[in-house]
Amino acid sequence: MSADAALDKAREGLRTAILRGEYLPGERLVEAQLCERLGVSRFNVRAAIQELAADGLVKVERNKGAHVRKVSIDEAVEITEVRMVLEGLVAARAAAKVTDAQASELDEIGLLMRRAVSAGEFRRYSDLNQRLHSLIRDVAGHSTADGIIETLRGQLVRHQFMLSLHPGRPAISLPQHERIIEAIRERDPKAAEDAMRAHIASVIEALRDMDAGEVR
């Protein structure tokens, strides 16, 4: 394996583990354990940690090592406010570029989301939520916004996971997602942007409610 390939393996392996919640906020990242888990050298593990620290996923402290960075509710709200602007832009662009095949795929995800809510399958709904937003970014093809959104999403993964599993949250966000899908299918950029921004604004409200001890 080349040096670049080994670093990519270490970085993406650790990033994926953090995004999946396999390492909790504040949890220490032990280099020896990561070497064994990822099958790479300590040099590559250290380089990967430094890159993820630059992305805001990991915090490195002198004489204390590295751990998964904790994000406060206040910071999560600020990050989500930035996401609202970027994802609105992406939704508008997706509406201008969507193909018939992509519109059908959006419809399919929307149907699966409705079924997940009806069945009370909140973890499944969370996975479909990520799939929908990822597809919208793919349709838009805005690589700069996509990269920034992915980095921001990584910093919020724990808060998003907690929100998506709350019993009342999917029933609120489902019609919001359906409006986003409809606007993109109708190739209406303004309606798509407005629907996406309204959805993300609802996420901000839910984060604040979560901080107050009541998510809705």
N, C-alpha and C. Protein backbone atom coordinates (compact mmCIF):
# COMPACT_ATOMS: atom_id res chain seq x y z
N MET A 1 0.84 -1.19 0.00
CA MET A 1 0.00 0.00 0.00
C MET A 1 0.88 1.25 0.00
N SER A 2 0.57 2.21 -0.87
CA SER A 2 1.37 3.42 -0.94
C SER A 2 1.14 4.27 0.30
N ALA A 3 2.04 5.24 0.52
CA ALA A 3 1.91 6.12 1.68
C ALA A 3 0.62 6.93 1.62
N ASP A 4 0.28 7.42 0.43
CA ASP A 4 -0.96 8.20 0.29
C ASP A 4 -2.19 7.35 0.57
N ALA A 5 -2.17 6.10 0.08
CA ALA A 5 -3.30 5.20 0.28
C ALA A 5 -3.47 4.87 1.76
N ALA A 6 -2.35 4.68 2.45
CA ALA A 6 -2.41 4.35 3.87
C ALA A 6 -2.99 5.52 4.67
N LEU A 7 -2.58 6.74 4.31
CA LEU A 7 -3.11 7.92 5.01
C LEU A 7 -4.61 8.07 4.73
N ASP A 8 -5.01 7.87 3.47
CA ASP A 8 -6.43 7.94 3.12
C ASP A 8 -7.23 6.91 3.91
N LYS A 9 -6.69 5.71 4.02
CA LYS A 9 -7.37 4.64 4.76
C LYS A 9 -7.55 5.03 6.22
N ALA A 10 -6.49 5.58 6.82
CA ALA A 10 -6.55 5.98 8.23
C ALA A 10 -7.54 7.12 8.43
N ARG A 11 -7.45 8.14 7.59
CA ARG A 11 -8.31 9.32 7.73
C ARG A 11 -9.78 8.96 7.53
N GLU A 12 -10.09 8.26 6.45
CA GLU A 12 -11.49 7.95 6.16
C GLU A 12 -12.05 6.92 7.13
N GLY A 13 -11.20 5.98 7.58
CA GLY A 13 -11.66 5.00 8.55
C GLY A 13 -12.03 5.65 9.87
N LEU A 14 -11.18 6.58 10.33
CA LEU A 14 -11.46 7.26 11.59
C LEU A 14 -12.62 8.22 11.44
N ARG A 15 -12.69 8.94 10.30
CA ARG A 15 -13.80 9.85 10.07
C ARG A 15 -15.13 9.09 10.09
N THR A 16 -15.18 7.97 9.41
CA THR A 16 -16.41 7.18 9.35
C THR A 16 -16.82 6.70 10.74
N ALA A 17 -15.85 6.24 11.52
CA ALA A 17 -16.16 5.76 12.86
C ALA A 17 -16.74 6.87 13.73
N ILE A 18 -16.19 8.08 13.61
CA ILE A 18 -16.70 9.20 14.39
C ILE A 18 -18.10 9.59 13.91
N LEU A 19 -18.31 9.65 12.59
CA LEU A 19 -19.61 10.03 12.05
C LEU A 19 -20.69 9.02 12.42
N ARG A 20 -20.32 7.77 12.57
CA ARG A 20 -21.28 6.73 12.95
C ARG A 20 -21.53 6.68 14.45
N GLY A 21 -20.82 7.51 15.19
CA GLY A 21 -21.01 7.53 16.64
C GLY A 21 -20.29 6.42 17.36
N GLU A 22 -19.33 5.77 16.70
CA GLU A 22 -18.59 4.69 17.34
C GLU A 22 -17.61 5.23 18.39
N TYR A 23 -17.24 6.48 18.24
CA TYR A 23 -16.47 7.19 19.26
C TYR A 23 -17.31 8.38 19.73
N LEU A 24 -17.53 8.48 21.02
CA LEU A 24 -18.41 9.50 21.56
C LEU A 24 -17.67 10.82 21.78
N PRO A 25 -18.39 11.95 21.80
CA PRO A 25 -17.74 13.23 22.09
C PRO A 25 -16.97 13.17 23.40
N GLY A 26 -15.73 13.62 23.37
CA GLY A 26 -14.90 13.59 24.56
C GLY A 26 -14.09 12.32 24.72
N GLU A 27 -14.43 11.29 23.92
CA GLU A 27 -13.72 10.01 24.06
C GLU A 27 -12.29 10.13 23.52
N ARG A 28 -11.35 9.59 24.28
CA ARG A 28 -9.94 9.66 23.91
C ARG A 28 -9.65 8.72 22.74
N LEU A 29 -8.82 9.18 21.83
CA LEU A 29 -8.42 8.38 20.68
C LEU A 29 -7.02 7.85 20.94
N VAL A 30 -6.93 6.56 21.22
CA VAL A 30 -5.66 5.93 21.58
C VAL A 30 -4.97 5.44 20.31
N GLU A 31 -3.79 5.95 20.05
CA GLU A 31 -3.09 5.66 18.79
C GLU A 31 -2.88 4.17 18.58
N ALA A 32 -2.44 3.46 19.61
CA ALA A 32 -2.15 2.03 19.47
C ALA A 32 -3.40 1.26 19.07
N GLN A 33 -4.53 1.60 19.67
CA GLN A 33 -5.79 0.93 19.34
C GLN A 33 -6.23 1.26 17.92
N LEU A 34 -6.04 2.52 17.50
CA LEU A 34 -6.42 2.91 16.15
C LEU A 34 -5.54 2.22 15.11
N CYS A 35 -4.26 2.05 15.41
CA CYS A 35 -3.36 1.33 14.49
C CYS A 35 -3.87 -0.08 14.24
N GLU A 36 -4.26 -0.74 15.33
CA GLU A 36 -4.76 -2.12 15.21
C GLU A 36 -6.09 -2.15 14.48
N ARG A 37 -6.97 -1.24 14.81
CA ARG A 37 -8.31 -1.22 14.20
C ARG A 37 -8.25 -0.90 12.71
N LEU A 38 -7.43 0.08 12.35
CA LEU A 38 -7.39 0.56 10.97
C LEU A 38 -6.36 -0.15 10.11
N GLY A 39 -5.45 -0.87 10.74
CA GLY A 39 -4.44 -1.60 9.98
C GLY A 39 -3.42 -0.70 9.31
N VAL A 40 -3.04 0.38 10.00
CA VAL A 40 -2.06 1.31 9.46
C VAL A 40 -1.04 1.64 10.53
N SER A 41 0.02 2.34 10.13
CA SER A 41 1.09 2.67 11.06
C SER A 41 0.69 3.82 11.98
N ARG A 42 1.45 3.99 13.07
CA ARG A 42 1.20 5.10 14.00
C ARG A 42 1.40 6.44 13.30
N PHE A 43 2.34 6.50 12.38
CA PHE A 43 2.57 7.74 11.63
C PHE A 43 1.31 8.16 10.89
N ASN A 44 0.65 7.20 10.23
CA ASN A 44 -0.57 7.52 9.48
C ASN A 44 -1.73 7.87 10.40
N VAL A 45 -1.80 7.20 11.55
CA VAL A 45 -2.84 7.53 12.52
C VAL A 45 -2.68 8.97 13.00
N ARG A 46 -1.43 9.34 13.33
CA ARG A 46 -1.18 10.70 13.80
C ARG A 46 -1.52 11.74 12.72
N ALA A 47 -1.16 11.45 11.48
CA ALA A 47 -1.46 12.38 10.38
C ALA A 47 -2.97 12.50 10.18
N ALA A 48 -3.68 11.37 10.29
CA ALA A 48 -5.13 11.39 10.13
C ALA A 48 -5.79 12.22 11.23
N ILE A 49 -5.30 12.06 12.45
CA ILE A 49 -5.84 12.82 13.58
C ILE A 49 -5.65 14.32 13.35
N GLN A 50 -4.48 14.70 12.86
CA GLN A 50 -4.23 16.12 12.59
C GLN A 50 -5.17 16.66 11.52
N GLU A 51 -5.43 15.88 10.48
CA GLU A 51 -6.33 16.33 9.42
C GLU A 51 -7.77 16.46 9.93
N LEU A 52 -8.20 15.51 10.77
CA LEU A 52 -9.56 15.58 11.30
C LEU A 52 -9.67 16.69 12.34
N ALA A 53 -8.56 17.03 12.99
CA ALA A 53 -8.57 18.18 13.90
C ALA A 53 -8.80 19.46 13.11
N ALA A 54 -8.21 19.54 11.93
CA ALA A 54 -8.41 20.71 11.07
C ALA A 54 -9.85 20.82 10.60
N ASP A 55 -10.54 19.66 10.49
CA ASP A 55 -11.95 19.64 10.07
C ASP A 55 -12.90 19.89 11.24
N GLY A 56 -12.36 19.96 12.46
CA GLY A 56 -13.21 20.21 13.62
C GLY A 56 -13.81 18.97 14.24
N LEU A 57 -13.41 17.79 13.80
CA LEU A 57 -13.96 16.55 14.36
C LEU A 57 -13.19 16.09 15.60
N VAL A 58 -11.93 16.42 15.65
CA VAL A 58 -11.04 15.95 16.71
C VAL A 58 -10.36 17.15 17.35
N LYS A 59 -10.08 17.03 18.64
CA LYS A 59 -9.31 18.06 19.34
C LYS A 59 -8.05 17.43 19.89
N VAL A 60 -6.92 18.08 19.64
CA VAL A 60 -5.63 17.59 20.12
C VAL A 60 -5.11 18.55 21.17
N GLU A 61 -4.79 18.02 22.36
CA GLU A 61 -4.28 18.83 23.45
C GLU A 61 -2.89 18.33 23.86
N ARG A 62 -1.99 19.25 24.05
CA ARG A 62 -0.63 18.89 24.41
C ARG A 62 -0.61 18.14 25.74
N ASN A 63 0.13 17.07 25.76
CA ASN A 63 0.30 16.21 26.94
C ASN A 63 -0.97 15.44 27.33
N LYS A 64 -2.04 15.61 26.55
CA LYS A 64 -3.29 14.89 26.84
C LYS A 64 -3.72 14.01 25.67
N GLY A 65 -3.14 14.24 24.51
CA GLY A 65 -3.51 13.45 23.35
C GLY A 65 -4.73 13.98 22.64
N ALA A 66 -5.36 13.12 21.85
CA ALA A 66 -6.50 13.52 21.02
C ALA A 66 -7.79 12.89 21.53
N HIS A 67 -8.88 13.62 21.31
CA HIS A 67 -10.20 13.07 21.63
C HIS A 67 -11.22 13.65 20.65
N VAL A 68 -12.36 13.00 20.57
CA VAL A 68 -13.44 13.49 19.71
C VAL A 68 -13.95 14.80 20.29
N ARG A 69 -14.01 15.82 19.45
CA ARG A 69 -14.36 17.16 19.93
C ARG A 69 -15.82 17.25 20.35
N LYS A 70 -16.04 17.86 21.51
CA LYS A 70 -17.39 18.13 21.98
C LYS A 70 -17.88 19.43 21.36
N VAL A 71 -19.14 19.42 20.93
CA VAL A 71 -19.74 20.63 20.36
C VAL A 71 -20.93 21.03 21.24
N SER A 72 -20.89 22.24 21.78
CA SER A 72 -21.97 22.71 22.64
C SER A 72 -23.22 22.99 21.80
N ILE A 73 -24.35 23.11 22.48
CA ILE A 73 -25.59 23.44 21.78
C ILE A 73 -25.48 24.79 21.09
N ASP A 74 -24.88 25.77 21.77
CA ASP A 74 -24.73 27.10 21.16
C ASP A 74 -23.92 27.03 19.87
N GLU A 75 -22.82 26.26 19.90
CA GLU A 75 -22.00 26.13 18.70
C GLU A 75 -22.76 25.34 17.64
N ALA A 76 -23.51 24.32 18.06
CA ALA A 76 -24.29 23.52 17.11
C ALA A 76 -25.31 24.39 16.38
N VAL A 77 -25.92 25.33 17.10
CA VAL A 77 -26.88 26.25 16.49
C VAL A 77 -26.17 27.13 15.45
N GLU A 78 -25.00 27.66 15.81
CA GLU A 78 -24.27 28.51 14.87
C GLU A 78 -23.88 27.74 13.61
N ILE A 79 -23.40 26.51 13.80
CA ILE A 79 -23.01 25.68 12.66
C ILE A 79 -24.23 25.41 11.77
N THR A 80 -25.37 25.14 12.40
CA THR A 80 -26.59 24.84 11.65
C THR A 80 -27.10 26.07 10.91
N GLU A 81 -26.88 27.25 11.46
CA GLU A 81 -27.26 28.48 10.75
C GLU A 81 -26.45 28.62 9.45
N VAL A 82 -25.17 28.25 9.51
CA VAL A 82 -24.36 28.28 8.29
C VAL A 82 -24.86 27.23 7.31
N ARG A 83 -25.18 26.05 7.82
CA ARG A 83 -25.73 24.98 6.97
C ARG A 83 -27.01 25.43 6.27
N MET A 84 -27.83 26.19 6.97
CA MET A 84 -29.12 26.63 6.40
C MET A 84 -28.89 27.41 5.11
N VAL A 85 -27.91 28.30 5.14
CA VAL A 85 -27.62 29.10 3.95
C VAL A 85 -27.08 28.21 2.82
N LEU A 86 -26.12 27.36 3.15
CA LEU A 86 -25.48 26.53 2.13
C LEU A 86 -26.45 25.49 1.55
N GLU A 87 -27.21 24.85 2.42
CA GLU A 87 -28.12 23.81 1.92
C GLU A 87 -29.29 24.42 1.14
N GLY A 88 -29.66 25.66 1.48
CA GLY A 88 -30.65 26.35 0.66
C GLY A 88 -30.13 26.59 -0.74
N LEU A 89 -28.89 27.03 -0.83
CA LEU A 89 -28.23 27.23 -2.13
C LEU A 89 -28.18 25.93 -2.92
N VAL A 90 -27.82 24.85 -2.25
CA VAL A 90 -27.70 23.55 -2.91
C VAL A 90 -29.06 23.06 -3.41
N ALA A 91 -30.09 23.24 -2.60
CA ALA A 91 -31.44 22.80 -3.00
C ALA A 91 -31.90 23.57 -4.24
N ALA A 92 -31.64 24.88 -4.26
CA ALA A 92 -32.02 25.69 -5.43
C ALA A 92 -31.31 25.20 -6.68
N ARG A 93 -30.03 24.90 -6.54
CA ARG A 93 -29.26 24.43 -7.69
C ARG A 93 -29.74 23.05 -8.13
N ALA A 94 -30.10 22.20 -7.17
CA ALA A 94 -30.61 20.88 -7.52
C ALA A 94 -31.90 20.99 -8.31
N ALA A 95 -32.77 21.93 -7.93
CA ALA A 95 -34.03 22.13 -8.65
C ALA A 95 -33.79 22.56 -10.09
N ALA A 96 -32.72 23.28 -10.31
CA ALA A 96 -32.40 23.76 -11.67
C ALA A 96 -31.76 22.68 -12.53
N LYS A 97 -31.20 21.64 -11.90
CA LYS A 97 -30.43 20.65 -12.64
C LYS A 97 -31.03 19.24 -12.63
N VAL A 98 -32.04 18.98 -11.82
CA VAL A 98 -32.51 17.62 -11.61
C VAL A 98 -32.99 16.97 -12.91
N THR A 99 -32.65 15.70 -13.09
CA THR A 99 -33.14 14.93 -14.23
C THR A 99 -34.39 14.14 -13.82
N ASP A 100 -35.08 13.58 -14.80
CA ASP A 100 -36.26 12.78 -14.48
C ASP A 100 -35.89 11.57 -13.62
N ALA A 101 -34.77 10.94 -13.92
CA ALA A 101 -34.33 9.77 -13.15
C ALA A 101 -34.02 10.15 -11.71
N GLN A 102 -33.37 11.29 -11.53
CA GLN A 102 -33.05 11.75 -10.18
C GLN A 102 -34.31 12.13 -9.42
N ALA A 103 -35.28 12.72 -10.12
CA ALA A 103 -36.55 13.07 -9.48
C ALA A 103 -37.26 11.81 -8.99
N SER A 104 -37.19 10.75 -9.77
CA SER A 104 -37.81 9.48 -9.36
C SER A 104 -37.11 8.91 -8.14
N GLU A 105 -35.79 9.06 -8.08
CA GLU A 105 -35.04 8.57 -6.91
C GLU A 105 -35.41 9.37 -5.66
N LEU A 106 -35.60 10.67 -5.82
CA LEU A 106 -36.05 11.49 -4.69
C LEU A 106 -37.42 11.03 -4.21
N ASP A 107 -38.32 10.74 -5.15
CA ASP A 107 -39.65 10.24 -4.79
C ASP A 107 -39.55 8.93 -4.01
N GLU A 108 -38.66 8.06 -4.46
CA GLU A 108 -38.50 6.76 -3.79
C GLU A 108 -38.03 6.93 -2.35
N ILE A 109 -37.07 7.82 -2.14
CA ILE A 109 -36.59 8.06 -0.78
C ILE A 109 -37.71 8.65 0.07
N GLY A 110 -38.48 9.57 -0.50
CA GLY A 110 -39.60 10.15 0.23
C GLY A 110 -40.60 9.09 0.66
N LEU A 111 -40.89 8.14 -0.22
CA LEU A 111 -41.81 7.05 0.11
C LEU A 111 -41.26 6.19 1.24
N LEU A 112 -39.99 5.86 1.16
CA LEU A 112 -39.35 5.05 2.20
C LEU A 112 -39.35 5.78 3.54
N MET A 113 -39.19 7.10 3.50
CA MET A 113 -39.22 7.89 4.73
C MET A 113 -40.60 7.85 5.36
N ARG A 114 -41.63 7.95 4.54
CA ARG A 114 -43.01 7.88 5.06
C ARG A 114 -43.26 6.53 5.71
N ARG A 115 -42.80 5.47 5.06
CA ARG A 115 -42.99 4.13 5.62
C ARG A 115 -42.24 3.97 6.94
N ALA A 116 -41.04 4.54 7.02
CA ALA A 116 -40.25 4.44 8.25
C ALA A 116 -40.94 5.16 9.40
N VAL A 117 -41.52 6.33 9.13
CA VAL A 117 -42.23 7.06 10.17
C VAL A 117 -43.47 6.28 10.62
N SER A 118 -44.21 5.74 9.67
CA SER A 118 -45.41 4.96 10.00
C SER A 118 -45.09 3.75 10.87
N ALA A 119 -43.93 3.14 10.59
CA ALA A 119 -43.53 1.94 11.32
C ALA A 119 -42.77 2.25 12.61
N GLY A 120 -42.50 3.54 12.84
CA GLY A 120 -41.74 3.91 14.03
C GLY A 120 -40.28 3.50 13.96
N GLU A 121 -39.76 3.37 12.74
CA GLU A 121 -38.36 2.95 12.55
C GLU A 121 -37.48 4.20 12.47
N PHE A 122 -37.16 4.75 13.63
CA PHE A 122 -36.48 6.04 13.67
C PHE A 122 -35.03 5.96 13.19
N ARG A 123 -34.36 4.86 13.49
CA ARG A 123 -32.98 4.72 13.01
C ARG A 123 -32.96 4.62 11.48
N ARG A 124 -33.92 3.90 10.93
CA ARG A 124 -34.05 3.79 9.49
C ARG A 124 -34.34 5.17 8.88
N TYR A 125 -35.21 5.92 9.55
CA TYR A 125 -35.53 7.26 9.07
C TYR A 125 -34.29 8.15 9.08
N SER A 126 -33.48 8.03 10.11
CA SER A 126 -32.25 8.81 10.19
C SER A 126 -31.32 8.51 9.02
N ASP A 127 -31.19 7.23 8.69
CA ASP A 127 -30.34 6.83 7.55
C ASP A 127 -30.89 7.40 6.24
N LEU A 128 -32.22 7.35 6.07
CA LEU A 128 -32.84 7.87 4.85
C LEU A 128 -32.71 9.39 4.76
N ASN A 129 -32.78 10.04 5.91
CA ASN A 129 -32.59 11.49 5.97
C ASN A 129 -31.21 11.86 5.41
N GLN A 130 -30.19 11.16 5.86
CA GLN A 130 -28.84 11.41 5.35
C GLN A 130 -28.75 11.11 3.86
N ARG A 131 -29.41 10.03 3.44
CA ARG A 131 -29.39 9.65 2.03
C ARG A 131 -30.05 10.72 1.16
N LEU A 132 -31.15 11.28 1.64
CA LEU A 132 -31.86 12.32 0.88
C LEU A 132 -30.99 13.56 0.71
N HIS A 133 -30.42 14.04 1.81
CA HIS A 133 -29.59 15.24 1.73
C HIS A 133 -28.36 15.00 0.85
N SER A 134 -27.81 13.79 0.93
CA SER A 134 -26.65 13.46 0.10
C SER A 134 -27.02 13.46 -1.38
N LEU A 135 -28.19 12.91 -1.70
CA LEU A 135 -28.63 12.87 -3.10
C LEU A 135 -28.87 14.29 -3.62
N ILE A 136 -29.46 15.14 -2.82
CA ILE A 136 -29.70 16.52 -3.25
C ILE A 136 -28.37 17.21 -3.55
N ARG A 137 -27.36 16.96 -2.73
CA ARG A 137 -26.04 17.55 -3.00
C ARG A 137 -25.44 16.97 -4.27
N ASP A 138 -25.64 15.68 -4.50
CA ASP A 138 -25.14 15.06 -5.74
C ASP A 138 -25.81 15.68 -6.96
N VAL A 139 -27.11 15.87 -6.89
CA VAL A 139 -27.85 16.46 -8.00
C VAL A 139 -27.35 17.88 -8.27
N ALA A 140 -27.13 18.64 -7.20
CA ALA A 140 -26.69 20.03 -7.36
C ALA A 140 -25.30 20.11 -7.97
N GLY A 141 -24.41 19.21 -7.57
CA GLY A 141 -23.07 19.20 -8.13
C GLY A 141 -22.26 20.44 -7.78
N HIS A 142 -22.48 20.98 -6.59
CA HIS A 142 -21.73 22.16 -6.14
C HIS A 142 -20.63 21.66 -5.20
N SER A 143 -19.47 21.39 -5.75
CA SER A 143 -18.42 20.70 -4.98
C SER A 143 -17.94 21.52 -3.78
N THR A 144 -17.87 22.83 -3.92
CA THR A 144 -17.39 23.66 -2.81
C THR A 144 -18.37 23.62 -1.65
N ALA A 145 -19.65 23.85 -1.93
CA ALA A 145 -20.67 23.79 -0.87
C ALA A 145 -20.74 22.39 -0.28
N ASP A 146 -20.63 21.37 -1.11
CA ASP A 146 -20.71 20.00 -0.66
C ASP A 146 -19.62 19.70 0.37
N GLY A 147 -18.39 20.13 0.08
CA GLY A 147 -17.29 19.88 0.99
C GLY A 147 -17.48 20.57 2.33
N ILE A 148 -17.96 21.82 2.29
CA ILE A 148 -18.17 22.55 3.53
C ILE A 148 -19.30 21.92 4.34
N ILE A 149 -20.38 21.56 3.67
CA ILE A 149 -21.52 20.95 4.37
C ILE A 149 -21.11 19.64 5.03
N GLU A 150 -20.32 18.84 4.33
CA GLU A 150 -19.90 17.55 4.88
C GLU A 150 -19.06 17.75 6.14
N THR A 151 -18.18 18.74 6.12
CA THR A 151 -17.37 19.03 7.31
C THR A 151 -18.26 19.49 8.47
N LEU A 152 -19.20 20.39 8.17
CA LEU A 152 -20.11 20.87 9.21
C LEU A 152 -20.98 19.74 9.75
N ARG A 153 -21.44 18.87 8.86
CA ARG A 153 -22.28 17.75 9.28
C ARG A 153 -21.53 16.84 10.25
N GLY A 154 -20.25 16.65 9.97
CA GLY A 154 -19.44 15.81 10.85
C GLY A 154 -19.38 16.35 12.27
N GLN A 155 -19.30 17.67 12.39
CA GLN A 155 -19.23 18.28 13.71
C GLN A 155 -20.55 18.16 14.47
N LEU A 156 -21.64 17.96 13.74
CA LEU A 156 -22.97 17.93 14.35
C LEU A 156 -23.55 16.53 14.48
N VAL A 157 -22.76 15.52 14.11
CA VAL A 157 -23.33 14.18 13.96
C VAL A 157 -24.05 13.69 15.22
N ARG A 158 -23.47 13.97 16.39
CA ARG A 158 -24.09 13.46 17.62
C ARG A 158 -25.43 14.15 17.89
N HIS A 159 -25.48 15.46 17.70
CA HIS A 159 -26.74 16.19 17.92
C HIS A 159 -27.80 15.74 16.92
N GLN A 160 -27.42 15.55 15.66
CA GLN A 160 -28.38 15.13 14.65
C GLN A 160 -28.92 13.74 14.95
N PHE A 161 -28.04 12.87 15.42
CA PHE A 161 -28.46 11.50 15.75
C PHE A 161 -29.49 11.53 16.88
N MET A 162 -29.22 12.32 17.91
CA MET A 162 -30.15 12.41 19.04
C MET A 162 -31.50 12.97 18.61
N LEU A 163 -31.47 13.97 17.73
CA LEU A 163 -32.72 14.56 17.25
C LEU A 163 -33.53 13.55 16.43
N SER A 164 -32.84 12.84 15.54
CA SER A 164 -33.55 11.94 14.62
C SER A 164 -34.22 10.78 15.35
N LEU A 165 -33.66 10.40 16.52
CA LEU A 165 -34.22 9.27 17.26
C LEU A 165 -35.30 9.69 18.26
N HIS A 166 -35.51 10.99 18.41
CA HIS A 166 -36.56 11.43 19.32
C HIS A 166 -37.92 11.08 18.72
N PRO A 167 -38.81 10.44 19.49
CA PRO A 167 -40.08 9.94 18.93
C PRO A 167 -40.90 10.96 18.14
N GLY A 168 -40.90 12.23 18.53
CA GLY A 168 -41.75 13.19 17.82
C GLY A 168 -41.09 13.89 16.65
N ARG A 169 -39.77 13.81 16.54
CA ARG A 169 -39.07 14.61 15.55
C ARG A 169 -39.31 14.16 14.11
N PRO A 170 -39.25 12.85 13.77
CA PRO A 170 -39.47 12.45 12.38
C PRO A 170 -40.82 12.88 11.82
N ALA A 171 -41.86 12.84 12.65
CA ALA A 171 -43.20 13.23 12.18
C ALA A 171 -43.24 14.71 11.82
N ILE A 172 -42.39 15.52 12.46
CA ILE A 172 -42.33 16.94 12.14
C ILE A 172 -41.50 17.18 10.88
N SER A 173 -40.36 16.48 10.78
CA SER A 173 -39.46 16.75 9.66
C SER A 173 -39.91 16.08 8.36
N LEU A 174 -40.73 15.02 8.43
CA LEU A 174 -41.16 14.33 7.21
C LEU A 174 -41.86 15.26 6.23
N PRO A 175 -42.91 16.01 6.64
CA PRO A 175 -43.56 16.90 5.66
C PRO A 175 -42.62 17.99 5.15
N GLN A 176 -41.64 18.39 5.95
CA GLN A 176 -40.65 19.35 5.48
C GLN A 176 -39.82 18.76 4.35
N HIS A 177 -39.40 17.53 4.53
CA HIS A 177 -38.64 16.85 3.48
C HIS A 177 -39.49 16.65 2.23
N GLU A 178 -40.76 16.35 2.43
CA GLU A 178 -41.64 16.15 1.27
C GLU A 178 -41.80 17.44 0.47
N ARG A 179 -41.83 18.58 1.15
CA ARG A 179 -41.92 19.86 0.44
C ARG A 179 -40.63 20.15 -0.34
N ILE A 180 -39.51 19.77 0.23
CA ILE A 180 -38.23 19.94 -0.48
C ILE A 180 -38.22 19.09 -1.74
N ILE A 181 -38.63 17.83 -1.60
CA ILE A 181 -38.65 16.92 -2.75
C ILE A 181 -39.59 17.45 -3.83
N GLU A 182 -40.78 17.90 -3.42
CA GLU A 182 -41.76 18.39 -4.40
C GLU A 182 -41.22 19.60 -5.16
N ALA A 183 -40.57 20.53 -4.46
CA ALA A 183 -40.05 21.73 -5.11
C ALA A 183 -38.94 21.39 -6.10
N ILE A 184 -38.09 20.45 -5.73
CA ILE A 184 -37.02 20.05 -6.65
C ILE A 184 -37.61 19.34 -7.86
N ARG A 185 -38.57 18.47 -7.62
CA ARG A 185 -39.22 17.75 -8.74
C ARG A 185 -39.91 18.72 -9.68
N GLU A 186 -40.48 19.78 -9.12
CA GLU A 186 -41.17 20.80 -9.93
C GLU A 186 -40.18 21.76 -10.60
N ARG A 187 -38.90 21.57 -10.30
CA ARG A 187 -37.82 22.41 -10.87
C ARG A 187 -38.05 23.89 -10.56
N ASP A 188 -38.37 24.14 -9.27
CA ASP A 188 -38.64 25.49 -8.78
C ASP A 188 -37.54 25.86 -7.79
N PRO A 189 -36.46 26.51 -8.24
CA PRO A 189 -35.33 26.80 -7.36
C PRO A 189 -35.70 27.61 -6.11
N LYS A 190 -36.53 28.64 -6.28
CA LYS A 190 -36.88 29.47 -5.11
C LYS A 190 -37.66 28.67 -4.09
N ALA A 191 -38.64 27.88 -4.54
CA ALA A 191 -39.42 27.08 -3.61
C ALA A 191 -38.54 26.03 -2.92
N ALA A 192 -37.59 25.47 -3.67
CA ALA A 192 -36.69 24.47 -3.09
C ALA A 192 -35.81 25.10 -2.01
N GLU A 193 -35.27 26.29 -2.31
CA GLU A 193 -34.43 26.97 -1.32
C GLU A 193 -35.24 27.34 -0.08
N ASP A 194 -36.43 27.87 -0.29
CA ASP A 194 -37.28 28.26 0.84
C ASP A 194 -37.63 27.04 1.70
N ALA A 195 -37.97 25.91 1.05
CA ALA A 195 -38.34 24.71 1.78
C ALA A 195 -37.16 24.16 2.58
N MET A 196 -35.98 24.20 1.98
CA MET A 196 -34.80 23.70 2.69
C MET A 196 -34.46 24.61 3.87
N ARG A 197 -34.51 25.90 3.66
CA ARG A 197 -34.18 26.82 4.75
C ARG A 197 -35.20 26.69 5.89
N ALA A 198 -36.47 26.48 5.56
CA ALA A 198 -37.49 26.28 6.59
C ALA A 198 -37.21 25.01 7.38
N HIS A 199 -36.79 23.96 6.68
CA HIS A 199 -36.45 22.70 7.34
C HIS A 199 -35.28 22.88 8.30
N ILE A 200 -34.21 23.53 7.84
CA ILE A 200 -33.04 23.71 8.69
C ILE A 200 -33.37 24.64 9.86
N ALA A 201 -34.22 25.63 9.63
CA ALA A 201 -34.65 26.51 10.73
C ALA A 201 -35.37 25.70 11.80
N SER A 202 -36.13 24.70 11.37
CA SER A 202 -36.81 23.82 12.31
C SER A 202 -35.80 22.99 13.12
N VAL A 203 -34.71 22.60 12.47
CA VAL A 203 -33.65 21.87 13.18
C VAL A 203 -33.04 22.76 14.26
N ILE A 204 -32.82 24.02 13.93
CA ILE A 204 -32.26 24.97 14.91
C ILE A 204 -33.19 25.10 16.11
N GLU A 205 -34.49 25.22 15.83
CA GLU A 205 -35.47 25.31 16.92
C GLU A 205 -35.44 24.05 17.78
N ALA A 206 -35.31 22.89 17.13
CA ALA A 206 -35.27 21.63 17.88
C ALA A 206 -34.02 21.53 18.73
N LEU A 207 -32.89 22.01 18.21
CA LEU A 207 -31.66 22.00 19.00
C LEU A 207 -31.81 22.86 20.26
N ARG A 208 -32.44 24.01 20.10
CA ARG A 208 -32.65 24.88 21.26
C ARG A 208 -33.61 24.24 22.26
N ASP A 209 -34.65 23.57 21.74
CA ASP A 209 -35.57 22.86 22.62
C ASP A 209 -34.86 21.73 23.36
N MET A 210 -33.93 21.06 22.65
CA MET A 210 -33.18 19.97 23.27
C MET A 210 -32.32 20.50 24.41
N ASP A 211 -31.76 21.69 24.22
CA ASP A 211 -30.94 22.31 25.25
C ASP A 211 -31.81 22.66 26.46
N ALA A 212 -33.10 23.00 26.19
CA ALA A 212 -34.01 23.35 27.28
C ALA A 212 -34.66 22.11 27.89
N GLY A 213 -34.38 20.95 27.28
CA GLY A 213 -34.90 19.71 27.83
C GLY A 213 -36.19 19.23 27.22
N GLU A 214 -36.60 19.88 26.12
CA GLU A 214 -37.86 19.46 25.47
C GLU A 214 -37.70 19.56 23.96
N VAL A 215 -37.54 18.40 23.31
CA VAL A 215 -37.43 18.38 21.86
C VAL A 215 -38.79 18.15 21.27
N ARG A 216 -39.09 18.88 20.20
CA ARG A 216 -40.39 18.65 19.56
C ARG A 216 -40.21 18.64 18.06
